[in-house]
Amino acid sequence: MNHAEHNEQYLEQMSNPEKGEHARSLLDLIDLGTFDLELAAWFISHISQGASYIFGSGPGGIGKTTTMRSMLSFVPANLRFVTALPDKINEIDSNPHCVISNELSDHTPPTYLWDQDVRDYFACSEKGHLLVGNVHADDATEVYEQMVTTNQVPESQFRSISILGFICLEGGNPKGGRIKDTTTRRVVNKVFYSDGSSDHESVYSPEEGLLSNAPRNSALEDECRSFLQEVLNTPERTLEGVRKRFLGSDLATTKNG
């Protein structure tokens, strides 16, 4: 099975077709108001060029996993999807992969990563792999404390995660545990970026949008925006369907310095 077929099947398995359910794509999240076109195009302009990313939210039930998965449609075509599992990460071969963590936390599900598994996961950044994951955190400082301070991930590997994005309920998250509110709009409220040589800096706020220090490629963002506008005018909303369209577009072969 080639990369494209494997990755299509990987994305299909994130949905529940027996119940007529599909995992939400970035197009769904634009429809719902989680992203506007400018921010969505900015994310694609980086992820399509191989940027690693992590999404976070403090409570569960906000949509960090949904948002993380929605961006998989735009990972470079040469990368094979693989799930990072406890005690198995070092078995990933040296060919470039998109290494996906279901969650970086000390919570109980057996697929979540912590301690040595977290260190093994971040070490993949030095082997040419793109890293994708999500965390229980509300900003870059909390992610740093969890990964670098608690789990002793080297700072250079932590900075290999180009983008840290954060999701919350519109108006802010209530105090307490897992969120059961399924109707309040989810919004991206913080984005941080690192070029790998320095700490993550805030590059977005809901009030101002992308800030002046956000690294931007205007021509590529325009291409990404045009792609999104085109596909938004079709019925396609599945992760695998959006990826097929991405792979068939010029974006999948564009490399920008």
Protein backbone atom coordinates (compact mmCIF):
# COMPACT_ATOMS: atom_id res chain seq x y z
CA MET A 1 0.00 0.00 0.00
CA ASN A 2 1.53 3.33 -1.04
CA HIS A 3 1.61 6.46 1.14
CA ALA A 4 -1.49 8.01 -0.39
CA GLU A 5 -3.60 4.87 0.05
CA HIS A 6 -2.33 4.27 3.58
CA ASN A 7 -2.95 7.88 4.62
CA GLU A 8 -6.44 7.89 3.09
CA GLN A 9 -7.34 4.77 5.06
CA TYR A 10 -5.80 6.29 8.20
CA LEU A 11 -8.04 9.35 7.89
CA GLU A 12 -11.12 7.30 7.05
CA GLN A 13 -10.70 5.39 10.31
CA MET A 14 -11.11 8.63 12.26
CA SER A 15 -14.77 8.74 11.22
CA ASN A 16 -17.72 6.52 12.12
CA PRO A 17 -19.39 5.80 8.76
CA GLU A 18 -21.69 3.15 10.26
CA LYS A 19 -23.46 5.95 12.14
CA GLY A 20 -23.20 8.41 9.28
CA GLU A 21 -20.60 10.47 11.18
CA HIS A 22 -17.40 11.97 9.82
CA ALA A 23 -14.48 13.53 11.65
CA ARG A 24 -14.65 17.28 11.16
CA SER A 25 -12.38 18.71 8.51
CA LEU A 26 -10.86 22.18 8.42
CA LEU A 27 -13.72 23.14 6.09
CA ASP A 28 -16.20 22.17 8.82
CA LEU A 29 -14.27 24.27 11.33
CA ILE A 30 -14.37 27.25 8.98
CA ASP A 31 -18.12 26.74 8.54
CA LEU A 32 -18.49 26.66 12.33
CA GLY A 33 -16.41 29.81 12.86
CA THR A 34 -13.48 28.18 14.67
CA PHE A 35 -11.16 29.49 11.95
CA ASP A 36 -11.57 32.36 9.54
CA LEU A 37 -10.09 32.06 6.05
CA GLU A 38 -7.00 34.12 6.84
CA LEU A 39 -5.96 32.04 9.83
CA ALA A 40 -6.82 28.75 8.10
CA ALA A 41 -4.73 29.74 5.07
CA TRP A 42 -1.83 30.69 7.35
CA PHE A 43 -1.89 27.29 9.05
CA ILE A 44 -2.00 25.46 5.72
CA SER A 45 0.84 27.58 4.32
CA HIS A 46 3.08 26.25 7.10
CA ILE A 47 1.83 22.68 7.54
CA SER A 48 1.91 21.98 3.80
CA GLN A 49 5.61 22.89 3.91
CA GLY A 50 6.34 20.44 6.73
CA ALA A 51 5.75 22.40 9.94
CA SER A 52 5.15 20.33 13.07
CA TYR A 53 2.25 21.42 15.25
CA ILE A 54 0.46 20.78 18.54
CA PHE A 55 -3.02 21.93 19.58
CA GLY A 56 -4.03 22.44 23.18
CA SER A 57 -6.89 23.30 25.49
CA GLY A 58 -7.06 23.11 29.27
CA PRO A 59 -10.28 21.11 29.68
CA GLY A 60 -11.27 18.09 27.65
CA GLY A 61 -14.20 18.29 25.29
CA ILE A 62 -13.16 21.58 23.66
CA GLY A 63 -12.00 20.11 20.36
CA LYS A 64 -8.21 20.01 20.41
CA THR A 65 -8.12 16.49 18.92
CA THR A 66 -10.67 17.43 16.27
CA THR A 67 -8.63 20.49 15.33
CA MET A 68 -5.37 18.53 15.29
CA ARG A 69 -6.88 15.94 12.96
CA SER A 70 -8.37 18.56 10.66
CA MET A 71 -4.88 19.75 9.70
CA LEU A 72 -3.70 16.26 8.70
CA SER A 73 -5.35 16.80 5.33
CA PHE A 74 -2.52 19.24 4.50
CA VAL A 75 0.59 17.34 5.60
CA PRO A 76 3.16 16.96 2.78
CA ALA A 77 2.48 14.09 0.38
CA ASN A 78 5.78 12.29 1.02
CA LEU A 79 5.02 11.63 4.70
CA ARG A 80 3.36 8.43 5.85
CA PHE A 81 1.01 8.76 8.85
CA VAL A 82 1.94 6.72 11.91
CA THR A 83 0.52 6.81 15.45
CA ALA A 84 3.09 7.26 18.22
CA LEU A 85 2.36 4.50 20.76
CA PRO A 86 3.96 3.88 24.16
CA ASP A 87 7.12 1.73 23.98
CA LYS A 88 6.84 1.62 20.16
CA ILE A 89 8.13 5.01 19.00
CA ASN A 90 11.70 3.85 18.47
CA GLU A 91 10.38 1.20 16.06
CA ILE A 92 9.38 3.88 13.53
CA ASP A 93 11.81 3.49 10.63
CA SER A 94 14.08 6.22 9.34
CA ASN A 95 11.94 7.14 6.33
CA PRO A 96 10.20 10.48 6.98
CA HIS A 97 6.82 10.08 8.67
CA CYS A 98 4.10 12.24 10.12
CA VAL A 99 4.25 10.99 13.73
CA ILE A 100 0.90 11.57 15.44
CA SER A 101 0.32 11.45 19.20
CA ASN A 102 -3.26 10.94 20.37
CA GLU A 103 -2.33 13.01 23.42
CA LEU A 104 0.77 14.04 25.33
CA SER A 105 -0.39 13.61 28.92
CA ASP A 106 -0.23 11.42 32.00
CA HIS A 107 -3.93 10.55 31.73
CA THR A 108 -4.95 6.90 31.72
CA PRO A 109 -5.78 5.94 28.08
CA PRO A 110 -3.12 3.42 26.99
CA THR A 111 -2.20 5.28 23.79
CA TYR A 112 -1.24 8.54 25.55
CA LEU A 113 2.43 9.48 25.91
CA TRP A 114 4.32 10.61 29.01
CA ASP A 115 7.78 10.43 30.54
CA GLN A 116 10.19 8.40 28.36
CA ASP A 117 7.59 8.07 25.61
CA VAL A 118 7.35 11.87 25.40
CA ARG A 119 11.13 12.12 25.11
CA ASP A 120 11.14 9.46 22.39
CA TYR A 121 8.37 11.31 20.56
CA PHE A 122 10.20 14.64 20.53
CA ALA A 123 13.44 12.91 19.54
CA CYS A 124 11.71 11.98 16.28
CA SER A 125 12.16 15.61 15.26
CA GLU A 126 15.88 14.92 14.82
CA LYS A 127 15.18 12.03 12.45
CA GLY A 128 13.35 14.03 9.80
CA HIS A 129 9.83 13.31 11.02
CA LEU A 130 6.99 15.83 11.26
CA LEU A 131 5.33 15.77 14.69
CA VAL A 132 1.61 16.27 15.39
CA GLY A 133 -0.06 16.11 18.78
CA ASN A 134 -2.32 17.68 21.37
CA VAL A 135 -2.07 18.57 25.04
CA HIS A 136 -4.10 19.74 28.03
CA ALA A 137 -2.77 23.30 28.24
CA ASP A 138 -4.01 26.83 27.61
CA ASP A 139 -0.81 28.51 26.43
CA ALA A 140 2.79 27.95 25.35
CA THR A 141 4.18 28.37 28.88
CA GLU A 142 2.06 25.48 30.17
CA VAL A 143 3.18 23.24 27.28
CA TYR A 144 6.81 24.15 27.97
CA GLU A 145 6.41 23.31 31.66
CA GLN A 146 4.85 19.93 30.84
CA MET A 147 7.30 18.91 28.12
CA VAL A 148 10.62 20.55 29.03
CA THR A 149 10.41 21.04 32.79
CA THR A 150 8.47 17.91 33.78
CA ASN A 151 9.44 15.47 31.02
CA GLN A 152 12.95 16.84 30.38
CA VAL A 153 12.52 17.22 26.63
CA PRO A 154 15.54 19.12 25.24
CA GLU A 155 14.63 22.70 24.40
CA SER A 156 15.94 22.31 20.84
CA GLN A 157 13.50 19.45 20.25
CA PHE A 158 10.64 21.35 21.84
CA ARG A 159 11.31 24.28 19.52
CA SER A 160 11.08 21.91 16.54
CA ILE A 161 7.31 22.17 17.02
CA SER A 162 6.79 25.22 14.82
CA ILE A 163 3.19 25.95 15.80
CA LEU A 164 1.36 25.74 19.13
CA GLY A 165 -2.34 26.50 18.68
CA PHE A 166 -4.97 26.78 21.42
CA ILE A 167 -8.75 26.34 21.39
CA CYS A 168 -11.39 27.57 23.81
CA LEU A 169 -15.12 28.16 24.03
CA GLU A 170 -16.20 31.53 22.71
CA GLY A 171 -16.25 33.79 25.75
CA GLY A 172 -13.80 31.59 27.66
CA ASN A 173 -13.79 28.18 29.30
CA PRO A 174 -15.74 27.55 32.52
CA LYS A 175 -13.91 26.18 35.52
CA GLY A 176 -14.06 22.48 36.17
CA GLY A 177 -13.40 19.26 34.31
CA ARG A 178 -14.41 17.99 30.92
CA ILE A 179 -16.67 20.33 28.93
CA LYS A 180 -20.07 18.87 28.07
CA ASP A 181 -21.27 21.97 26.21
CA THR A 182 -21.63 20.95 22.55
CA THR A 183 -23.34 24.11 21.27
CA THR A 184 -21.06 27.04 22.16
CA ARG A 185 -18.73 27.95 19.32
CA ARG A 186 -15.11 26.85 19.58
CA VAL A 187 -12.50 29.44 18.60
CA VAL A 188 -8.75 29.59 18.16
CA ASN A 189 -7.70 32.04 20.87
CA LYS A 190 -3.89 31.78 20.84
CA VAL A 191 -1.17 30.78 18.38
CA PHE A 192 2.56 30.66 19.08
CA TYR A 193 5.38 30.10 16.60
CA SER A 194 9.06 29.13 16.77
CA ASP A 195 11.54 29.03 13.91
CA GLY A 196 13.52 26.43 15.84
CA SER A 197 16.22 28.81 17.02
CA SER A 198 14.24 30.76 19.62
CA ASP A 199 11.35 30.37 22.03
CA HIS A 200 7.76 30.28 20.84
CA GLU A 201 6.28 33.76 20.45
CA SER A 202 2.65 34.80 20.25
CA VAL A 203 1.71 35.47 16.60
CA TYR A 204 -2.09 35.71 16.82
CA SER A 205 -4.87 37.13 18.94
CA PRO A 206 -8.63 37.02 18.27
CA GLU A 207 -8.82 40.81 18.50
CA GLU A 208 -5.97 41.61 16.09
CA GLY A 209 -5.71 38.45 14.01
CA LEU A 210 -2.23 37.50 12.83
CA LEU A 211 0.32 39.80 14.41
CA SER A 212 3.12 41.64 12.64
CA ASN A 213 5.73 39.12 13.84
CA ALA A 214 3.90 36.12 12.33
CA PRO A 215 6.09 34.57 9.61
CA ARG A 216 4.15 34.91 6.37
CA ASN A 217 4.44 33.97 2.72
CA SER A 218 1.78 36.09 1.06
CA ALA A 219 1.84 34.31 -2.28
CA LEU A 220 1.48 30.88 -0.68
CA GLU A 221 -1.24 32.10 1.70
CA ASP A 222 -3.16 33.43 -1.32
CA GLU A 223 -2.92 29.99 -2.94
CA CYS A 224 -4.12 28.35 0.27
CA ARG A 225 -7.01 30.80 0.59
CA SER A 226 -8.06 30.21 -3.03
CA PHE A 227 -7.92 26.45 -2.47
CA LEU A 228 -10.13 26.72 0.61
CA GLN A 229 -12.64 28.99 -1.11
CA GLU A 230 -12.88 26.60 -4.02
CA VAL A 231 -13.44 23.49 -1.88
CA LEU A 232 -15.81 25.32 0.48
CA ASN A 233 -18.10 25.69 -2.53
CA THR A 234 -18.34 21.90 -2.89
CA PRO A 235 -20.13 19.34 -0.68
CA GLU A 236 -16.78 17.78 0.34
CA ARG A 237 -16.18 17.85 4.07
CA THR A 238 -14.38 14.59 4.95
CA LEU A 239 -10.75 14.53 6.06
CA GLU A 240 -9.79 12.08 3.34
CA GLY A 241 -11.78 13.91 0.67
CA VAL A 242 -10.16 17.25 1.50
CA ARG A 243 -6.75 15.55 1.43
CA LYS A 244 -7.43 14.09 -2.02
CA ARG A 245 -8.21 17.57 -3.30
CA PHE A 246 -5.09 18.95 -1.60
CA LEU A 247 -2.91 16.24 -3.16
CA GLY A 248 -4.39 17.05 -6.55
CA SER A 249 -3.64 20.76 -6.21
CA ASP A 250 -0.48 22.77 -6.81
CA LEU A 251 -0.17 23.22 -3.04
CA ALA A 252 0.94 19.60 -2.63
CA THR A 253 3.99 20.18 -4.84
CA THR A 254 4.86 23.75 -3.87
CA LYS A 255 7.97 24.25 -1.76
CA ASN A 256 8.74 27.73 -0.54
CA GLY A 257 11.80 28.92 1.30
